Structure formats: C-alpha cells, structure tokens
C-alpha cells in the first residue's frame, strides 16, 4: 500500500563500497528541514537513516531559500547546460514510481540496487531511496574506479543498476558483470556502440532506457520492441502530448502524471512551464503512430544559424551513433553574421582525420549550416559528477579556440 512518507525498511541495508552504513537511533526531537551533506556518503546515509519515516523535509547539499513542507524533499537538476537548480518534490511522487517499478520489473526481496554516481545526483538518490523504501539493499559505488565498481557488483551479487550512459560506458569497458538482471539507464541518449558494450559486459541484463528529467521523473521507457532513435512509450500512468507541432510533427513535449515535481526551490528555468496538471521542461520531439516518443532536443540547446533552427542534442545523437566515435559534444558560440557557430568537442588527443570525418558526417546528414566550423579534442573530457558532459566547461573550452 502506497504511503506519502519515505521509510527505511527494517530489512534494508545500505553500503558505500564494501562498508555497511550504520543506522542511527532516531532522535526524539527531530524536526524542521534536515540538511544533509553529500560527502562523505557514509555519514550522509547515516543521517538519512534518522530522517526516513519521520516525514521531515530534507535536502542533499545546498539548503533552499524557503522551508519545504512536511513529506517533501529538495534535490538538484543535472546542471549540464548551466548551474544546477534546486527542485522540490513530494515523497509521494517518488514512492509512486517505486511501486510502479516493483511491479513492472518484478522486484523481489533478494534484489539489490546499486548506483554509480554520488547521492547529490538525482538519479543516484532515487535508486538508493527506492531500494531502502522497498526493503532491498542499496549500494553506492561512486567512490570506486570503474574496474573496482564491476568487481563490487559481482562480489555483492547486485542485480539492479541505475546509471547514466557515460557511467555505463566506463563501467563496461573490458569488464564482465553477468549477475546483473536489470539496468535502468537514464540521464542522456544511449548510443549504439555503448549499447553493444553493455550487452557484451552484462549478457543477462534487461537494459531499459528511460527518458525523463529531475522535474518530471519518468516520462517514457524503452523495451526490446522500441524502434531505433526512440525513447519508448509512455511510462505507466503518464500521458504525453506534443503541442505546437510544426509540419514534420515536431513540437514541445508536455507531460501529465503522478510523478511531477512541486516546483523550483531556487532559480526558475525559463523553459519550464505548467498548464493545469501538465508540465513541460521545454524539450522538443514527436510521437509516432504506435506511441513511441522521439526526442529532438532541449529548448535551451536549440540554436539559430542563418535563420535555420539546429538542435544540438540531435546532432550529438547522430554523431554518437557512428561506429568507433569517441565521446562528443556540440556547443554553439555567438556569431554576428550567422547567429551561431558550432564547435564539436571530442574526447581524446588531437586527430585531424577524425575531425574531418566528423565534419563530413554532419555535412552529409544536416548540410553545411549544421556542420561544426571547428572540431577540437579534450583529454580529459569535462564531465559533471552525474557523468554527463559539462556543457558549460566545454563551451568555455571551445571559446578559447576562436
């Protein structure tokens, strides 16, 4: 039966690496907003053990400017296109999807959930709370190198993993993780090369890619029948609409369901809008006749070049799908004549044949206007703690090339 308050189930245990987290005795006078420092993770989870079940509001890291109500919490967006924003949501909004996932994926008491990122990242916090609330062991592996993460997954016989595409790319390189039965992948587009890498390293895992955001939570989820390029059909109890579509059916994606956030607890996003029970975070896409959703890009990553709209996310997804393509990001710099100029940033050492190959692929698929003026290389490639490309740092890096 669904409740409106997070709980730490009596049989659930939490681990940071191999170390079990000590659960604290709940103080009798605990009240008000509980501010949890995300580091070190052991202390953060111990602090969380005092709070879960009380209904007290809590936040991970930065405190919000205003006091959240009871049975709510504050977490942050990924921040890939700018500073992370604090968002407020109810415990019930995540509990609803905990129970949906338990039914959808057949969770059992013997399952264990692991996350690869820090608990300050919304996806990692979600996976940890889902496990603890439902009575499964939770494992935080953020402090381990990918080779150590794979060993930890195997030695603990962990069966369920929440991760981003970048985290999975690093985890699965040269490793074998046969006991995983379910991988829930979110936080970015999964390219074909990484998918093959995951399938080779985790041969027994059902790889389920989902689309959503910190504001919406789950929107759609893919399965084996999902066409290439799609993020799947609507997640249970979610309705999806495409509004203000252009001639090819692409428009703004609006979402309705029980998993939406309550609002921002810090700066607002200019792209997030609500309409009664519906919400958009400004992402664009289209839906085919079978209900499969396709993402073209975020409003904040649409640029105009000589009066032509170009979605940088779409361009990146096309490049990432090419064989043997390294991690790639495309950023835009202001151009007085054309509006914007594109710079592609690839992970690795300078390689001019690869740079010209990237430009040719873009030219062949999108034409001259959407072809990066310059291709540069970054080693190391700037990433956020969530594993996503750090677009702010990448744009600054690209700006230094002009």
Foldseek 3Di string as FASTA:
>chain_A
DADQFFAQDPQEWEAEQPRTADADDADPPDAFEAEAELPPVSRRVNSVSNPGPVQHEYEYPDDFPDTDDGQKYWAWWQQQPHDIFIFMAGVRLLSVVLVLCCVVVVDDLAAEEEEQFGCSYPQRVSRCSSQRRVNHYYYYHNVDFLVSVLVSCQVVLHAEYEAELLSLQRNLVVAARASHAEYEYEDADHAPVSVVSNCVRHVNYFYKYFYDTPFQPTAAIDHPPADPQFRHAGRPQKDWDFPPADPVAKHFIKMAGSNGTPATSDDHQPQWDDDVRIITSQWMWHADPVRTIHTQAHPVQWFFFQNDTHRQSNLQNQQSNDPPFARKGKDWDQDPPGGTAIEMEGEDDDDVVVFVVSQVSCCVPPNDRRRHPYYYYDVVQDADSSSHGNRVVVVVVVVVVD
